[in-house]
Amino acid sequence: MYTTEDHGIELLKTLQDALSGELQAAANYQAYARNADLEGHHVPAALFRSVAYAENVHARNHVEAIRGLGEIPQPEPVRPPVVESTHANLSSSIAGEELERDSGYPRRITVASGAHESQSLRSLILAAMAEAGHAQMFSDALGSLHHNSPAEARFFVCPTCGNVTDTNEIRFCTVCHGDAANLLGMS
């Protein structure tokens, strides 16, 4: 028989796993941004920095959910990023974000739903929705990598959910519906 305690243990493991993944992704994207700048790909560099910030927003939300369970966040140590060309880094980032969108977060959301824990569920759902946007933005950046792109770019990150957009000409975040005036501009 599956008990409430079993749900709590599984939910905690799920949140710890999500936290570890977000911290690793943030470290990877920061390293990819530095490399993209060195290669002269300033638009992907700005996108990597923005998504790194967004992954830290997801991590913060997961930390709050873990603490809401009365537990202590215990993420896995962040491994040194493996940095390749900007093209390869964008490709691996797309694959990683799509994996999270298609299987990682849906599985985690199922666990949180079974545990009936609203703060955890909200944290996981918002991250899942934002990850879908990250995958699309990385795909767009890869598609335009070798075209004449501007010397710099500006992206906007929702500090509540980690959604990233290339415009601040919206009234509300498209993921959490927070006031777009709170979006953080990054380049």
N, C-alpha and C. Protein backbone atom coordinates (compact mmCIF):
# COMPACT_ATOMS: atom_id res chain seq x y z
N MET A 1 0.83 -1.18 0.00
CA MET A 1 0.00 0.00 0.00
C MET A 1 0.88 1.25 0.00
N TYR A 2 0.49 2.23 -0.77
CA TYR A 2 1.23 3.48 -0.91
C TYR A 2 0.70 4.48 0.10
N THR A 3 1.52 4.91 1.04
CA THR A 3 1.05 5.78 2.11
C THR A 3 1.36 7.24 1.83
N THR A 4 0.78 8.10 2.66
CA THR A 4 1.06 9.54 2.56
C THR A 4 2.54 9.79 2.78
N GLU A 5 3.14 9.03 3.69
CA GLU A 5 4.58 9.18 3.95
C GLU A 5 5.38 8.83 2.70
N ASP A 6 4.96 7.77 1.99
CA ASP A 6 5.64 7.40 0.74
C ASP A 6 5.56 8.53 -0.27
N HIS A 7 4.39 9.16 -0.37
CA HIS A 7 4.23 10.30 -1.29
C HIS A 7 5.20 11.42 -0.91
N GLY A 8 5.32 11.71 0.39
CA GLY A 8 6.20 12.78 0.85
C GLY A 8 7.65 12.49 0.54
N ILE A 9 8.08 11.25 0.73
CA ILE A 9 9.47 10.87 0.45
C ILE A 9 9.74 10.97 -1.04
N GLU A 10 8.81 10.47 -1.85
CA GLU A 10 8.99 10.54 -3.30
C GLU A 10 8.98 11.99 -3.78
N LEU A 11 8.10 12.81 -3.21
CA LEU A 11 8.06 14.22 -3.59
C LEU A 11 9.36 14.92 -3.23
N LEU A 12 9.89 14.66 -2.05
CA LEU A 12 11.16 15.28 -1.65
C LEU A 12 12.27 14.87 -2.62
N LYS A 13 12.36 13.59 -2.95
CA LYS A 13 13.39 13.13 -3.90
C LYS A 13 13.21 13.80 -5.26
N THR A 14 11.96 13.95 -5.67
CA THR A 14 11.65 14.58 -6.96
C THR A 14 12.09 16.04 -6.96
N LEU A 15 11.80 16.76 -5.88
CA LEU A 15 12.20 18.17 -5.80
C LEU A 15 13.71 18.32 -5.71
N GLN A 16 14.36 17.44 -4.97
CA GLN A 16 15.82 17.50 -4.87
C GLN A 16 16.45 17.25 -6.24
N ASP A 17 15.89 16.29 -6.98
CA ASP A 17 16.37 16.00 -8.33
C ASP A 17 16.17 17.20 -9.25
N ALA A 18 15.00 17.83 -9.19
CA ALA A 18 14.73 19.01 -10.01
C ALA A 18 15.68 20.14 -9.65
N LEU A 19 15.92 20.34 -8.35
CA LEU A 19 16.85 21.38 -7.90
C LEU A 19 18.25 21.13 -8.45
N SER A 20 18.72 19.91 -8.35
CA SER A 20 20.06 19.57 -8.86
C SER A 20 20.16 19.83 -10.35
N GLY A 21 19.13 19.45 -11.09
CA GLY A 21 19.12 19.67 -12.54
C GLY A 21 19.15 21.13 -12.91
N GLU A 22 18.40 21.94 -12.19
CA GLU A 22 18.37 23.38 -12.48
C GLU A 22 19.71 24.03 -12.19
N LEU A 23 20.34 23.65 -11.08
CA LEU A 23 21.65 24.23 -10.74
C LEU A 23 22.71 23.82 -11.75
N GLN A 24 22.65 22.56 -12.22
CA GLN A 24 23.61 22.12 -13.23
C GLN A 24 23.38 22.87 -14.54
N ALA A 25 22.12 23.02 -14.93
CA ALA A 25 21.82 23.75 -16.17
C ALA A 25 22.30 25.19 -16.08
N ALA A 26 22.09 25.84 -14.95
CA ALA A 26 22.54 27.24 -14.78
C ALA A 26 24.05 27.34 -14.94
N ALA A 27 24.78 26.42 -14.35
CA ALA A 27 26.25 26.44 -14.47
C ALA A 27 26.67 26.20 -15.92
N ASN A 28 26.02 25.25 -16.57
CA ASN A 28 26.34 24.98 -17.97
C ASN A 28 26.10 26.22 -18.83
N TYR A 29 24.95 26.85 -18.66
CA TYR A 29 24.60 27.99 -19.50
C TYR A 29 25.51 29.19 -19.25
N GLN A 30 25.96 29.39 -18.03
CA GLN A 30 26.92 30.47 -17.76
C GLN A 30 28.23 30.20 -18.52
N ALA A 31 28.70 28.96 -18.48
CA ALA A 31 29.92 28.61 -19.21
C ALA A 31 29.72 28.74 -20.72
N TYR A 32 28.56 28.31 -21.21
CA TYR A 32 28.27 28.43 -22.64
C TYR A 32 28.22 29.90 -23.06
N ALA A 33 27.72 30.77 -22.19
CA ALA A 33 27.64 32.20 -22.50
C ALA A 33 29.04 32.78 -22.67
N ARG A 34 29.93 32.44 -21.75
CA ARG A 34 31.32 32.94 -21.87
C ARG A 34 31.94 32.48 -23.18
N ASN A 35 31.73 31.22 -23.53
CA ASN A 35 32.29 30.68 -24.76
C ASN A 35 31.68 31.36 -25.99
N ALA A 36 30.38 31.57 -25.98
CA ALA A 36 29.71 32.22 -27.12
C ALA A 36 30.25 33.63 -27.32
N ASP A 37 30.46 34.35 -26.21
CA ASP A 37 31.06 35.69 -26.33
C ASP A 37 32.44 35.61 -26.96
N LEU A 38 33.25 34.65 -26.53
CA LEU A 38 34.60 34.50 -27.09
C LEU A 38 34.56 34.19 -28.58
N GLU A 39 33.53 33.43 -29.00
CA GLU A 39 33.38 33.09 -30.42
C GLU A 39 32.72 34.21 -31.22
N GLY A 40 32.31 35.29 -30.54
CA GLY A 40 31.67 36.41 -31.22
C GLY A 40 30.18 36.22 -31.46
N HIS A 41 29.57 35.26 -30.81
CA HIS A 41 28.13 35.00 -30.93
C HIS A 41 27.42 35.65 -29.75
N HIS A 42 27.21 36.94 -29.83
CA HIS A 42 26.72 37.70 -28.69
C HIS A 42 25.23 37.48 -28.39
N VAL A 43 24.45 37.19 -29.42
CA VAL A 43 23.02 36.93 -29.18
C VAL A 43 22.85 35.62 -28.40
N PRO A 44 23.45 34.51 -28.86
CA PRO A 44 23.35 33.29 -28.05
C PRO A 44 23.96 33.46 -26.66
N ALA A 45 25.02 34.26 -26.56
CA ALA A 45 25.63 34.49 -25.24
C ALA A 45 24.63 35.16 -24.30
N ALA A 46 23.93 36.17 -24.80
CA ALA A 46 22.93 36.84 -23.97
C ALA A 46 21.79 35.90 -23.62
N LEU A 47 21.40 35.06 -24.56
CA LEU A 47 20.34 34.08 -24.30
C LEU A 47 20.79 33.08 -23.23
N PHE A 48 22.02 32.57 -23.36
CA PHE A 48 22.53 31.63 -22.35
C PHE A 48 22.55 32.28 -20.97
N ARG A 49 22.99 33.53 -20.88
CA ARG A 49 23.00 34.22 -19.58
C ARG A 49 21.59 34.37 -19.01
N SER A 50 20.66 34.72 -19.88
CA SER A 50 19.27 34.90 -19.45
C SER A 50 18.66 33.59 -18.97
N VAL A 51 18.90 32.52 -19.71
CA VAL A 51 18.33 31.23 -19.31
C VAL A 51 19.05 30.70 -18.07
N ALA A 52 20.33 31.00 -17.90
CA ALA A 52 21.03 30.61 -16.67
C ALA A 52 20.36 31.28 -15.47
N TYR A 53 20.04 32.56 -15.62
CA TYR A 53 19.33 33.26 -14.55
C TYR A 53 17.98 32.60 -14.29
N ALA A 54 17.28 32.27 -15.37
CA ALA A 54 15.97 31.63 -15.25
C ALA A 54 16.06 30.29 -14.53
N GLU A 55 17.10 29.51 -14.84
CA GLU A 55 17.27 28.22 -14.18
C GLU A 55 17.49 28.43 -12.68
N ASN A 56 18.17 29.50 -12.32
CA ASN A 56 18.34 29.82 -10.89
C ASN A 56 17.02 30.23 -10.25
N VAL A 57 16.14 30.86 -11.02
CA VAL A 57 14.80 31.17 -10.50
C VAL A 57 14.06 29.86 -10.21
N HIS A 58 14.14 28.90 -11.15
CA HIS A 58 13.51 27.60 -10.92
C HIS A 58 14.10 26.94 -9.67
N ALA A 59 15.43 27.00 -9.55
CA ALA A 59 16.09 26.40 -8.39
C ALA A 59 15.59 27.04 -7.09
N ARG A 60 15.49 28.37 -7.09
CA ARG A 60 15.00 29.07 -5.89
C ARG A 60 13.59 28.62 -5.54
N ASN A 61 12.75 28.48 -6.55
CA ASN A 61 11.37 28.04 -6.30
C ASN A 61 11.34 26.61 -5.74
N HIS A 62 12.22 25.75 -6.25
CA HIS A 62 12.29 24.38 -5.74
C HIS A 62 12.81 24.37 -4.30
N VAL A 63 13.78 25.23 -4.00
CA VAL A 63 14.28 25.34 -2.62
C VAL A 63 13.13 25.74 -1.69
N GLU A 64 12.35 26.72 -2.10
CA GLU A 64 11.22 27.16 -1.28
C GLU A 64 10.21 26.04 -1.09
N ALA A 65 9.98 25.24 -2.14
CA ALA A 65 9.04 24.12 -2.03
C ALA A 65 9.58 23.06 -1.07
N ILE A 66 10.87 22.78 -1.15
CA ILE A 66 11.49 21.81 -0.24
C ILE A 66 11.38 22.30 1.20
N ARG A 67 11.69 23.56 1.41
CA ARG A 67 11.56 24.12 2.76
C ARG A 67 10.11 24.12 3.23
N GLY A 68 9.18 24.30 2.29
CA GLY A 68 7.76 24.24 2.63
C GLY A 68 7.33 22.87 3.13
N LEU A 69 8.11 21.85 2.76
CA LEU A 69 7.86 20.50 3.26
C LEU A 69 8.52 20.27 4.62
N GLY A 70 9.23 21.32 5.10
CA GLY A 70 9.94 21.18 6.37
C GLY A 70 11.27 20.47 6.22
N GLU A 71 11.79 20.45 5.01
CA GLU A 71 13.04 19.73 4.73
C GLU A 71 14.14 20.71 4.34
N ILE A 72 15.36 20.19 4.28
CA ILE A 72 16.53 20.98 3.92
C ILE A 72 16.93 20.64 2.48
N PRO A 73 17.08 21.64 1.62
CA PRO A 73 17.53 21.36 0.25
C PRO A 73 18.93 20.74 0.26
N GLN A 74 19.08 19.66 -0.49
CA GLN A 74 20.36 18.97 -0.58
C GLN A 74 20.65 18.59 -2.03
N PRO A 75 20.99 19.59 -2.85
CA PRO A 75 21.26 19.28 -4.26
C PRO A 75 22.56 18.51 -4.42
N GLU A 76 22.63 17.80 -5.52
CA GLU A 76 23.88 17.13 -5.90
C GLU A 76 24.91 18.20 -6.24
N PRO A 77 26.20 17.90 -6.06
CA PRO A 77 27.23 18.88 -6.46
C PRO A 77 27.16 19.16 -7.97
N VAL A 78 27.40 20.40 -8.32
CA VAL A 78 27.41 20.79 -9.73
C VAL A 78 28.71 20.29 -10.36
N ARG A 79 28.58 19.59 -11.48
CA ARG A 79 29.75 19.09 -12.21
C ARG A 79 30.31 20.20 -13.10
N PRO A 80 31.60 20.19 -13.36
CA PRO A 80 32.16 21.19 -14.28
C PRO A 80 31.50 21.05 -15.65
N PRO A 81 31.05 22.16 -16.22
CA PRO A 81 30.41 22.10 -17.54
C PRO A 81 31.38 21.63 -18.62
N VAL A 82 30.85 20.90 -19.58
CA VAL A 82 31.61 20.49 -20.76
C VAL A 82 31.23 21.49 -21.85
N VAL A 83 32.19 22.33 -22.21
CA VAL A 83 31.92 23.40 -23.17
C VAL A 83 32.50 23.03 -24.52
N GLU A 84 31.65 23.14 -25.53
CA GLU A 84 32.06 22.88 -26.91
C GLU A 84 31.82 24.15 -27.72
N SER A 85 31.62 24.03 -29.00
CA SER A 85 31.33 25.20 -29.83
C SER A 85 29.93 25.72 -29.47
N THR A 86 29.66 26.96 -29.82
CA THR A 86 28.34 27.52 -29.54
C THR A 86 27.27 26.70 -30.26
N HIS A 87 27.54 26.27 -31.48
CA HIS A 87 26.59 25.43 -32.22
C HIS A 87 26.29 24.16 -31.42
N ALA A 88 27.32 23.47 -30.97
CA ALA A 88 27.13 22.23 -30.20
C ALA A 88 26.45 22.51 -28.86
N ASN A 89 26.82 23.62 -28.22
CA ASN A 89 26.21 23.96 -26.94
C ASN A 89 24.72 24.27 -27.10
N LEU A 90 24.35 24.97 -28.17
CA LEU A 90 22.93 25.22 -28.42
C LEU A 90 22.19 23.91 -28.68
N SER A 91 22.80 23.03 -29.48
CA SER A 91 22.17 21.74 -29.78
C SER A 91 21.95 20.92 -28.52
N SER A 92 22.95 20.86 -27.66
CA SER A 92 22.79 20.07 -26.43
C SER A 92 21.80 20.75 -25.47
N SER A 93 21.74 22.07 -25.51
CA SER A 93 20.78 22.79 -24.66
C SER A 93 19.35 22.53 -25.11
N ILE A 94 19.14 22.50 -26.42
CA ILE A 94 17.81 22.17 -26.94
C ILE A 94 17.41 20.78 -26.48
N ALA A 95 18.31 19.83 -26.64
CA ALA A 95 18.01 18.44 -26.24
C ALA A 95 17.70 18.36 -24.75
N GLY A 96 18.47 19.06 -23.93
CA GLY A 96 18.25 19.03 -22.49
C GLY A 96 16.92 19.65 -22.08
N GLU A 97 16.60 20.80 -22.67
CA GLU A 97 15.34 21.47 -22.35
C GLU A 97 14.15 20.66 -22.84
N GLU A 98 14.28 20.04 -24.02
CA GLU A 98 13.18 19.21 -24.54
C GLU A 98 12.98 17.97 -23.67
N LEU A 99 14.06 17.39 -23.18
CA LEU A 99 13.96 16.23 -22.29
C LEU A 99 13.23 16.61 -21.01
N GLU A 100 13.58 17.75 -20.44
CA GLU A 100 12.90 18.23 -19.23
C GLU A 100 11.43 18.50 -19.51
N ARG A 101 11.17 19.14 -20.65
CA ARG A 101 9.79 19.48 -21.02
C ARG A 101 8.95 18.22 -21.26
N ASP A 102 9.52 17.24 -21.95
CA ASP A 102 8.75 16.08 -22.40
C ASP A 102 8.67 14.95 -21.39
N SER A 103 9.69 14.78 -20.55
CA SER A 103 9.63 13.66 -19.63
C SER A 103 10.00 14.03 -18.19
N GLY A 104 11.03 14.82 -17.99
CA GLY A 104 11.46 15.14 -16.62
C GLY A 104 10.38 15.82 -15.81
N TYR A 105 9.89 16.95 -16.29
CA TYR A 105 8.88 17.69 -15.53
C TYR A 105 7.51 17.01 -15.53
N PRO A 106 7.04 16.40 -16.61
CA PRO A 106 5.76 15.69 -16.50
C PRO A 106 5.79 14.60 -15.42
N ARG A 107 6.89 13.87 -15.32
CA ARG A 107 7.02 12.83 -14.28
C ARG A 107 6.99 13.48 -12.90
N ARG A 108 7.73 14.57 -12.73
CA ARG A 108 7.77 15.26 -11.44
C ARG A 108 6.40 15.82 -11.06
N ILE A 109 5.69 16.35 -12.03
CA ILE A 109 4.36 16.92 -11.78
C ILE A 109 3.40 15.82 -11.35
N THR A 110 3.51 14.65 -11.95
CA THR A 110 2.67 13.52 -11.54
C THR A 110 2.92 13.17 -10.08
N VAL A 111 4.18 13.16 -9.67
CA VAL A 111 4.51 12.86 -8.27
C VAL A 111 3.91 13.92 -7.35
N ALA A 112 4.09 15.20 -7.70
CA ALA A 112 3.56 16.28 -6.85
C ALA A 112 2.04 16.25 -6.80
N SER A 113 1.40 15.91 -7.91
CA SER A 113 -0.06 15.80 -7.92
C SER A 113 -0.53 14.70 -6.97
N GLY A 114 0.18 13.57 -6.98
CA GLY A 114 -0.17 12.47 -6.09
C GLY A 114 0.03 12.80 -4.63
N ALA A 115 0.96 13.69 -4.35
CA ALA A 115 1.24 14.08 -2.96
C ALA A 115 0.31 15.20 -2.49
N HIS A 116 -0.44 15.78 -3.41
CA HIS A 116 -1.38 16.87 -3.07
C HIS A 116 -0.68 18.01 -2.33
N GLU A 117 0.46 18.44 -2.88
CA GLU A 117 1.24 19.50 -2.24
C GLU A 117 1.31 20.66 -3.22
N SER A 118 0.52 21.71 -2.98
CA SER A 118 0.31 22.78 -3.97
C SER A 118 1.56 23.61 -4.25
N GLN A 119 2.37 23.93 -3.25
CA GLN A 119 3.56 24.75 -3.50
C GLN A 119 4.54 24.01 -4.40
N SER A 120 4.73 22.73 -4.14
CA SER A 120 5.63 21.92 -4.97
C SER A 120 5.07 21.80 -6.38
N LEU A 121 3.79 21.56 -6.48
CA LEU A 121 3.15 21.42 -7.79
C LEU A 121 3.30 22.71 -8.59
N ARG A 122 3.06 23.84 -7.98
CA ARG A 122 3.20 25.13 -8.67
C ARG A 122 4.64 25.34 -9.15
N SER A 123 5.61 25.07 -8.29
CA SER A 123 7.01 25.24 -8.65
C SER A 123 7.36 24.39 -9.87
N LEU A 124 6.91 23.15 -9.86
CA LEU A 124 7.22 22.23 -10.96
C LEU A 124 6.49 22.59 -12.24
N ILE A 125 5.24 22.99 -12.14
CA ILE A 125 4.48 23.36 -13.34
C ILE A 125 5.06 24.61 -13.99
N LEU A 126 5.38 25.62 -13.18
CA LEU A 126 5.95 26.84 -13.75
C LEU A 126 7.29 26.56 -14.43
N ALA A 127 8.11 25.74 -13.80
CA ALA A 127 9.40 25.39 -14.41
C ALA A 127 9.19 24.66 -15.73
N ALA A 128 8.26 23.72 -15.75
CA ALA A 128 7.99 22.95 -16.97
C ALA A 128 7.55 23.86 -18.10
N MET A 129 6.67 24.80 -17.80
CA MET A 129 6.18 25.71 -18.83
C MET A 129 7.31 26.60 -19.35
N ALA A 130 8.16 27.08 -18.45
CA ALA A 130 9.28 27.93 -18.86
C ALA A 130 10.29 27.13 -19.68
N GLU A 131 10.53 25.87 -19.31
CA GLU A 131 11.49 25.04 -20.05
C GLU A 131 11.08 24.90 -21.52
N ALA A 132 9.80 24.80 -21.77
CA ALA A 132 9.32 24.70 -23.16
C ALA A 132 9.72 25.95 -23.94
N GLY A 133 9.59 27.10 -23.31
CA GLY A 133 10.02 28.34 -23.97
C GLY A 133 11.52 28.41 -24.17
N HIS A 134 12.27 27.91 -23.20
CA HIS A 134 13.73 27.92 -23.33
C HIS A 134 14.15 27.07 -24.54
N ALA A 135 13.53 25.89 -24.67
CA ALA A 135 13.87 25.01 -25.79
C ALA A 135 13.63 25.72 -27.12
N GLN A 136 12.50 26.42 -27.23
CA GLN A 136 12.17 27.12 -28.47
C GLN A 136 13.15 28.25 -28.74
N MET A 137 13.51 29.00 -27.71
CA MET A 137 14.45 30.11 -27.91
C MET A 137 15.83 29.61 -28.30
N PHE A 138 16.28 28.51 -27.71
CA PHE A 138 17.57 27.93 -28.11
C PHE A 138 17.50 27.45 -29.56
N SER A 139 16.38 26.86 -29.95
CA SER A 139 16.19 26.40 -31.32
C SER A 139 16.23 27.57 -32.30
N ASP A 140 15.57 28.65 -31.95
CA ASP A 140 15.60 29.85 -32.80
C ASP A 140 17.02 30.41 -32.91
N ALA A 141 17.75 30.42 -31.79
CA ALA A 141 19.12 30.94 -31.79
C ALA A 141 20.02 30.06 -32.66
N LEU A 142 19.82 28.75 -32.59
CA LEU A 142 20.62 27.85 -33.42
C LEU A 142 20.32 28.09 -34.90
N GLY A 143 19.05 28.28 -35.23
CA GLY A 143 18.66 28.51 -36.62
C GLY A 143 19.24 29.78 -37.21
N SER A 144 19.50 30.77 -36.37
CA SER A 144 20.03 32.04 -36.88
C SER A 144 21.49 32.26 -36.49
N LEU A 145 22.16 31.22 -36.03
CA LEU A 145 23.53 31.36 -35.51
C LEU A 145 24.50 31.97 -36.52
N HIS A 146 24.41 31.56 -37.76
CA HIS A 146 25.40 32.02 -38.74
C HIS A 146 24.85 33.08 -39.69
N HIS A 147 23.74 33.69 -39.31
CA HIS A 147 23.21 34.80 -40.09
C HIS A 147 23.72 36.11 -39.50
N ASN A 148 23.52 37.17 -40.20
CA ASN A 148 23.93 38.48 -39.67
C ASN A 148 23.06 38.80 -38.46
N SER A 149 23.64 38.63 -37.29
CA SER A 149 22.88 38.92 -36.09
C SER A 149 23.44 40.18 -35.44
N PRO A 150 22.63 40.84 -34.64
CA PRO A 150 23.08 42.08 -34.01
C PRO A 150 24.27 41.84 -33.08
N ALA A 151 24.99 42.89 -32.82
CA ALA A 151 26.16 42.80 -31.95
C ALA A 151 25.77 42.51 -30.51
N GLU A 152 24.54 42.79 -30.16
CA GLU A 152 24.07 42.47 -28.82
C GLU A 152 22.57 42.21 -28.86
N ALA A 153 22.09 41.62 -27.82
CA ALA A 153 20.66 41.32 -27.74
C ALA A 153 20.21 41.54 -26.30
N ARG A 154 18.93 41.70 -26.15
CA ARG A 154 18.36 41.88 -24.81
C ARG A 154 17.21 40.90 -24.65
N PHE A 155 17.24 40.17 -23.55
CA PHE A 155 16.18 39.23 -23.22
C PHE A 155 15.60 39.65 -21.88
N PHE A 156 14.41 39.16 -21.59
CA PHE A 156 13.70 39.55 -20.38
C PHE A 156 13.30 38.29 -19.62
N VAL A 157 13.62 38.27 -18.32
CA VAL A 157 13.38 37.09 -17.50
C VAL A 157 12.37 37.43 -16.41
N CYS A 158 11.39 36.57 -16.26
CA CYS A 158 10.42 36.73 -15.18
C CYS A 158 11.07 36.24 -13.89
N PRO A 159 11.18 37.11 -12.89
CA PRO A 159 11.81 36.70 -11.63
C PRO A 159 10.94 35.79 -10.77
N THR A 160 9.70 35.58 -11.19
CA THR A 160 8.80 34.70 -10.44
C THR A 160 8.87 33.27 -10.94
N CYS A 161 8.87 33.09 -12.26
CA CYS A 161 8.78 31.73 -12.81
C CYS A 161 9.96 31.33 -13.70
N GLY A 162 10.79 32.28 -14.10
CA GLY A 162 11.93 31.94 -14.96
C GLY A 162 11.61 31.89 -16.43
N ASN A 163 10.48 32.42 -16.83
CA ASN A 163 10.17 32.51 -18.25
C ASN A 163 11.11 33.52 -18.89
N VAL A 164 11.57 33.23 -20.11
CA VAL A 164 12.46 34.14 -20.85
C VAL A 164 11.74 34.55 -22.13
N THR A 165 11.80 35.83 -22.43
CA THR A 165 11.19 36.35 -23.65
C THR A 165 12.14 37.36 -24.29
N ASP A 166 11.92 37.62 -25.56
CA ASP A 166 12.77 38.61 -26.24
C ASP A 166 12.08 39.97 -26.32
N THR A 167 10.98 40.13 -25.63
CA THR A 167 10.29 41.41 -25.62
C THR A 167 9.74 41.73 -24.23
N ASN A 168 9.71 43.00 -23.93
CA ASN A 168 9.04 43.41 -22.70
C ASN A 168 7.77 44.19 -23.04
N GLU A 169 7.36 44.09 -24.29
CA GLU A 169 6.15 44.78 -24.74
C GLU A 169 4.92 43.90 -24.54
N ILE A 170 4.82 43.35 -23.35
CA ILE A 170 3.69 42.54 -22.96
C ILE A 170 3.20 43.05 -21.61
N ARG A 171 1.97 42.76 -21.28
CA ARG A 171 1.43 43.24 -20.00
C ARG A 171 1.68 42.26 -18.87
N PHE A 172 1.70 40.96 -19.22
CA PHE A 172 1.84 39.93 -18.21
C PHE A 172 2.80 38.86 -18.70
N CYS A 173 3.49 38.22 -17.79
CA CYS A 173 4.31 37.06 -18.12
C CYS A 173 3.39 36.00 -18.73
N THR A 174 3.84 35.39 -19.80
CA THR A 174 3.00 34.41 -20.48
C THR A 174 2.95 33.07 -19.75
N VAL A 175 3.78 32.88 -18.73
CA VAL A 175 3.76 31.64 -17.96
C VAL A 175 3.01 31.81 -16.65
N CYS A 176 3.46 32.73 -15.79
CA CYS A 176 2.86 32.86 -14.45
C CYS A 176 1.85 34.00 -14.36
N HIS A 177 1.75 34.80 -15.41
CA HIS A 177 0.83 35.94 -15.49
C HIS A 177 1.18 37.06 -14.52
N GLY A 178 2.45 37.08 -14.09
CA GLY A 178 2.92 38.18 -13.27
C GLY A 178 3.03 39.46 -14.09
N ASP A 179 3.08 40.58 -13.45
CA ASP A 179 3.18 41.88 -14.09
C ASP A 179 4.48 41.96 -14.90
N ALA A 180 4.37 42.25 -16.18
CA ALA A 180 5.55 42.33 -17.04
C ALA A 180 6.48 43.45 -16.66
N ALA A 181 6.01 44.41 -15.87
CA ALA A 181 6.89 45.50 -15.39
C ALA A 181 8.00 44.94 -14.50
N ASN A 182 7.83 43.73 -14.00
CA ASN A 182 8.84 43.12 -13.13
C ASN A 182 9.88 42.31 -13.91
N LEU A 183 9.69 42.17 -15.21
CA LEU A 183 10.68 41.41 -16.00
C LEU A 183 12.05 42.05 -15.90
N LEU A 184 13.07 41.21 -15.80
CA LEU A 184 14.45 41.71 -15.69
C LEU A 184 15.11 41.68 -17.07
N GLY A 185 15.58 42.83 -17.53
CA GLY A 185 16.27 42.91 -18.82
C GLY A 185 17.69 42.43 -18.66
N MET A 186 18.12 41.56 -19.57
CA MET A 186 19.48 41.01 -19.53
C MET A 186 20.08 41.03 -20.93
N SER A 187 21.39 41.23 -20.97
CA SER A 187 22.08 41.17 -22.27
C SER A 187 23.39 40.45 -22.13
